[in-house]
Amino acid sequence: MDQQEMNILKTEGVTKKFGGFVAVDHVDFTVGKNETVGIIGPNGAGKTTFLNLITGFYPPDHGTIWYNGRDITTLSPEKRVEMGMVRTFQLVRVFNNLRVFENLGLAHYRKKRGSSLPLHIFVSNLGQKDIRRRVDESLEIFELAPIAEEMAGSLSLGSKRKLEITMAFIADPTVLALDEPFSGLSDLEILEVMEVFKKLKHQKTILIIEHKISKLMDFVDRLAVMHEGKMVACGPPQETLEEPEVRRVYWKVK
């Protein structure tokens, strides 16, 4: 198997400008199949913009984005989801007016039948055996069964985050892109979410942006560092943090 086949994600010279501001500057980057890669960097480094480019929420001004060897640079976010690329956001996105198991059923059904289906069609199909079986399996795997009947809007932020990640999982993604999944969570809630992640490691390709470096060190296979839109380092976590350029731009150590 050549390197192109081993890399499920690849960017070549990807650039994004907002007016005169260069948010992402000619970034070359790869992620291997079932690899877990973290991206860190100071505020304004371009991390979320880069994730938005990979997942199709922004079009790049220059460069190419590859997924499983296919050029997806101009594809919509919806098309990328259909191909197996699912992301979460800094702000949790669940359906507060639905129960936990209904949120999971909706995520599964939309993956199977299309992302723009009216809600009433989903509700009428929630009882299908294959949907309910998949929902029940996911509730057990991610330890959400005790709150399956609760309204999502009444959950703690940590439980909502676990639900959101489980919704992404139930859609059976090949690539799971996570944007600051620990944002706003307590230490206990972070530990609970980390247990969810550990169940996915090396089962899925995971790309994670996060400020809490300590939570990533024992979890990611590689750590990448962005600064002023550029990818300044990428490699084994501890080695990457010790690189002189990373010490300069991230730790402010001369």
Protein backbone atom coordinates (compact mmCIF):
# COMPACT_ATOMS: atom_id res chain seq x y z
CA MET A 1 0.00 0.00 0.00
CA ASP A 2 1.51 3.35 -1.00
CA GLN A 3 1.41 6.49 1.13
CA GLN A 4 -1.47 8.01 -0.82
CA GLU A 5 -3.63 4.99 -0.01
CA MET A 6 -2.61 5.06 3.65
CA ASN A 7 -3.58 8.74 4.08
CA ILE A 8 -7.31 9.17 4.38
CA LEU A 9 -6.97 12.97 4.53
CA LYS A 10 -4.45 15.15 2.74
CA THR A 11 -4.16 18.87 2.08
CA GLU A 12 -1.73 20.44 -0.37
CA GLY A 13 -1.00 24.15 -0.17
CA VAL A 14 -4.40 24.94 1.35
CA THR A 15 -4.87 28.67 1.86
CA LYS A 16 -7.77 30.79 3.13
CA LYS A 17 -7.90 34.59 3.29
CA PHE A 18 -10.49 36.90 4.81
CA GLY A 19 -9.86 40.22 3.15
CA GLY A 20 -6.19 40.94 3.72
CA PHE A 21 -5.92 38.49 6.61
CA VAL A 22 -4.38 35.10 5.83
CA ALA A 23 -6.10 32.65 8.21
CA VAL A 24 -4.59 29.47 6.72
CA ASP A 25 -1.34 29.79 4.82
CA HIS A 26 -0.29 27.07 2.33
CA VAL A 27 -0.80 24.13 4.69
CA ASP A 28 0.36 20.65 3.71
CA PHE A 29 -1.09 18.05 6.07
CA THR A 30 -1.92 14.34 6.19
CA VAL A 31 -3.94 12.05 8.44
CA GLY A 32 -3.61 8.28 8.19
CA LYS A 33 -6.48 5.80 8.32
CA ASN A 34 -7.66 5.20 11.91
CA GLU A 35 -5.04 7.65 13.19
CA THR A 36 -5.80 10.18 15.93
CA VAL A 37 -4.23 13.60 15.33
CA GLY A 38 -4.52 16.66 17.56
CA ILE A 39 -4.08 20.26 16.40
CA ILE A 40 -3.12 22.96 18.90
CA GLY A 41 -2.02 26.56 18.60
CA PRO A 42 -2.54 30.03 20.07
CA ASN A 43 -5.85 31.82 19.60
CA GLY A 44 -6.09 33.05 16.02
CA ALA A 45 -3.64 30.42 14.75
CA GLY A 46 -6.12 29.23 12.11
CA LYS A 47 -7.10 25.89 13.66
CA THR A 48 -10.88 26.12 13.34
CA THR A 49 -10.63 27.73 9.91
CA PHE A 50 -8.47 24.82 8.78
CA LEU A 51 -11.04 22.35 10.13
CA ASN A 52 -13.77 24.28 8.31
CA LEU A 53 -11.79 23.91 5.09
CA ILE A 54 -11.34 20.17 5.55
CA THR A 55 -15.03 19.64 6.30
CA GLY A 56 -16.30 21.89 3.52
CA PHE A 57 -17.72 24.81 5.49
CA TYR A 58 -15.25 27.17 3.79
CA PRO A 59 -13.86 26.86 0.26
CA PRO A 60 -10.07 27.31 0.07
CA ASP A 61 -8.70 30.18 -1.99
CA HIS A 62 -5.82 27.97 -3.08
CA GLY A 63 -4.77 24.38 -2.66
CA THR A 64 -6.32 20.92 -2.80
CA ILE A 65 -8.06 18.71 -0.25
CA TRP A 66 -8.02 14.93 -0.71
CA TYR A 67 -10.18 12.32 0.99
CA ASN A 68 -9.44 8.64 0.37
CA GLY A 69 -7.49 9.66 -2.71
CA ARG A 70 -10.35 11.75 -4.14
CA ASP A 71 -10.21 15.50 -4.70
CA ILE A 72 -13.02 16.93 -2.52
CA THR A 73 -11.89 20.58 -2.60
CA THR A 74 -15.18 21.87 -4.02
CA LEU A 75 -17.61 19.40 -2.42
CA SER A 76 -20.28 20.62 0.01
CA PRO A 77 -20.29 19.71 3.72
CA GLU A 78 -23.36 17.53 3.09
CA LYS A 79 -21.55 15.57 0.40
CA ARG A 80 -18.57 15.06 2.68
CA VAL A 81 -20.89 13.74 5.41
CA GLU A 82 -22.32 11.26 2.90
CA MET A 83 -18.74 10.15 2.18
CA GLY A 84 -18.08 9.52 5.86
CA MET A 85 -16.70 12.80 7.24
CA VAL A 86 -18.57 14.02 10.35
CA ARG A 87 -17.66 16.92 12.64
CA THR A 88 -18.69 18.42 15.96
CA PHE A 89 -18.52 22.10 16.88
CA GLN A 90 -17.25 24.27 19.75
CA LEU A 91 -20.87 24.88 20.72
CA VAL A 92 -22.80 21.67 21.30
CA ARG A 93 -25.40 20.95 18.62
CA VAL A 94 -28.17 18.59 19.70
CA PHE A 95 -31.95 18.77 19.33
CA ASN A 96 -33.08 20.09 22.71
CA ASN A 97 -36.76 19.37 22.02
CA LEU A 98 -36.10 15.66 21.41
CA ARG A 99 -35.27 12.90 23.88
CA VAL A 100 -31.79 11.40 23.94
CA PHE A 101 -32.75 8.25 22.06
CA GLU A 102 -34.65 10.34 19.49
CA ASN A 103 -31.56 12.45 18.84
CA LEU A 104 -29.61 9.26 18.14
CA GLY A 105 -32.36 7.83 15.96
CA LEU A 106 -32.48 11.01 13.94
CA ALA A 107 -28.69 11.01 13.42
CA HIS A 108 -28.80 7.40 12.24
CA TYR A 109 -31.84 7.83 10.02
CA ARG A 110 -30.52 10.95 8.32
CA LYS A 111 -27.24 9.21 7.58
CA LYS A 112 -29.14 6.37 5.90
CA ARG A 113 -31.82 8.33 4.09
CA GLY A 114 -30.50 11.85 3.56
CA SER A 115 -29.71 14.88 5.68
CA SER A 116 -32.68 17.06 4.72
CA LEU A 117 -35.58 14.78 5.58
CA PRO A 118 -38.54 16.46 7.34
CA LEU A 119 -38.76 15.67 11.06
CA HIS A 120 -42.23 14.09 10.84
CA ILE A 121 -40.94 11.47 8.38
CA PHE A 122 -38.16 10.58 10.81
CA VAL A 123 -40.55 10.28 13.76
CA SER A 124 -42.80 7.89 11.85
CA ASN A 125 -39.80 5.64 11.14
CA LEU A 126 -38.13 5.68 14.55
CA GLY A 127 -39.69 2.33 15.44
CA GLN A 128 -37.96 0.49 12.62
CA LYS A 129 -36.05 -2.46 14.07
CA ASP A 130 -32.72 -1.63 12.46
CA ILE A 131 -32.86 1.97 13.71
CA ARG A 132 -33.87 1.06 17.25
CA ARG A 133 -31.26 -1.70 17.44
CA ARG A 134 -28.50 0.68 16.39
CA VAL A 135 -29.74 3.30 18.87
CA ASP A 136 -29.83 0.80 21.73
CA GLU A 137 -26.32 -0.42 20.90
CA SER A 138 -24.97 3.13 20.92
CA LEU A 139 -26.73 3.98 24.19
CA GLU A 140 -24.98 1.02 25.82
CA ILE A 141 -21.55 1.62 24.29
CA PHE A 142 -21.43 5.24 25.42
CA GLU A 143 -23.27 4.69 28.71
CA LEU A 144 -26.24 6.89 27.86
CA ALA A 145 -28.91 4.23 28.49
CA PRO A 146 -29.86 5.65 31.94
CA ILE A 147 -30.80 8.98 30.35
CA ALA A 148 -32.24 7.65 27.09
CA GLU A 149 -35.72 9.01 27.84
CA GLU A 150 -34.59 12.45 29.04
CA MET A 151 -35.04 15.56 26.94
CA ALA A 152 -31.73 16.69 25.51
CA GLY A 153 -32.45 20.26 26.57
CA SER A 154 -32.44 19.24 30.23
CA LEU A 155 -29.00 17.59 30.15
CA SER A 156 -25.78 18.97 31.60
CA LEU A 157 -23.27 20.35 29.13
CA GLY A 158 -21.08 17.27 29.59
CA SER A 159 -23.97 14.89 28.88
CA LYS A 160 -24.93 16.95 25.84
CA ARG A 161 -21.37 16.69 24.56
CA LYS A 162 -21.40 12.91 25.06
CA LEU A 163 -24.72 12.78 23.21
CA GLU A 164 -23.33 14.87 20.34
CA ILE A 165 -20.31 12.59 19.98
CA THR A 166 -22.54 9.52 20.10
CA MET A 167 -24.72 11.10 17.39
CA ALA A 168 -21.60 11.46 15.27
CA PHE A 169 -20.62 7.85 16.00
CA ILE A 170 -24.03 6.42 15.14
CA ALA A 171 -23.74 8.00 11.69
CA ASP A 172 -20.81 5.58 11.23
CA PRO A 173 -18.22 8.11 10.06
CA THR A 174 -14.86 7.20 8.63
CA VAL A 175 -13.43 10.51 9.84
CA LEU A 176 -14.57 12.27 13.01
CA ALA A 177 -13.48 15.92 13.26
CA LEU A 178 -13.82 17.47 16.73
CA ASP A 179 -13.59 21.20 17.38
CA GLU A 180 -12.70 21.91 21.03
CA PRO A 181 -14.81 19.07 22.47
CA PHE A 182 -13.82 19.95 26.06
CA SER A 183 -14.95 23.59 25.80
CA GLY A 184 -16.97 24.59 28.87
CA LEU A 185 -16.72 21.17 30.53
CA SER A 186 -15.71 20.47 34.13
CA ASP A 187 -12.79 18.15 34.86
CA LEU A 188 -15.20 15.32 35.68
CA GLU A 189 -17.14 15.86 32.45
CA ILE A 190 -13.88 15.90 30.48
CA LEU A 191 -12.96 12.53 31.98
CA GLU A 192 -16.35 11.14 30.93
CA VAL A 193 -15.95 12.44 27.38
CA MET A 194 -12.40 11.06 27.22
CA GLU A 195 -13.79 7.61 28.02
CA VAL A 196 -16.01 7.98 24.93
CA PHE A 197 -13.01 8.96 22.81
CA LYS A 198 -10.96 6.01 24.02
CA LYS A 199 -13.63 3.66 22.68
CA LEU A 200 -13.25 5.25 19.24
CA LYS A 201 -9.45 5.41 19.07
CA HIS A 202 -8.04 3.42 16.14
CA GLN A 203 -11.61 2.42 15.25
CA LYS A 204 -12.13 5.73 13.46
CA THR A 205 -9.89 8.44 12.04
CA ILE A 206 -10.05 11.29 14.56
CA LEU A 207 -8.94 14.88 14.03
CA ILE A 208 -9.23 16.94 17.20
CA ILE A 209 -8.66 20.65 17.87
CA GLU A 210 -8.21 21.47 21.54
CA HIS A 211 -6.64 23.99 23.91
CA LYS A 212 -6.27 21.58 26.83
CA ILE A 213 -2.99 19.98 25.75
CA SER A 214 -2.69 17.76 28.80
CA LYS A 215 -5.86 15.94 27.77
CA LEU A 216 -4.39 15.13 24.35
CA MET A 217 -0.91 13.93 25.21
CA ASP A 218 -1.82 10.32 26.00
CA PHE A 219 -4.62 10.17 23.46
CA VAL A 220 -3.33 11.36 20.09
CA ASP A 221 -0.88 9.53 17.85
CA ARG A 222 0.50 12.79 16.48
CA LEU A 223 0.29 16.40 17.55
CA ALA A 224 0.31 19.31 15.09
CA VAL A 225 0.94 22.95 15.98
CA MET A 226 -0.39 25.91 14.00
CA HIS A 227 0.78 29.51 14.28
CA GLU A 228 -0.33 32.48 12.17
CA GLY A 229 -2.01 30.15 9.69
CA LYS A 230 1.00 27.90 9.17
CA MET A 231 1.62 24.33 10.32
CA VAL A 232 4.90 24.79 12.20
CA ALA A 233 5.33 21.24 13.53
CA CYS A 234 3.73 17.80 13.50
CA GLY A 235 4.88 14.55 15.05
CA PRO A 236 4.85 12.46 18.25
CA PRO A 237 3.28 14.64 20.98
CA GLN A 238 6.18 15.07 23.37
CA GLU A 239 8.76 15.53 20.62
CA THR A 240 6.56 18.12 18.94
CA LEU A 241 6.15 20.19 22.10
CA GLU A 242 9.93 20.21 22.57
CA GLU A 243 10.72 21.54 19.09
CA PRO A 244 12.38 24.99 19.23
CA GLU A 245 9.80 26.66 16.96
CA VAL A 246 6.92 25.30 19.05
CA ARG A 247 8.59 26.49 22.25
CA ARG A 248 8.94 29.92 20.67
CA VAL A 249 5.45 30.40 19.22
CA TYR A 250 3.36 28.40 21.68
CA TRP A 251 5.17 28.50 25.00
CA LYS A 252 6.83 31.89 24.29
CA VAL A 253 10.18 30.42 25.32
CA LYS A 254 13.24 31.78 23.53
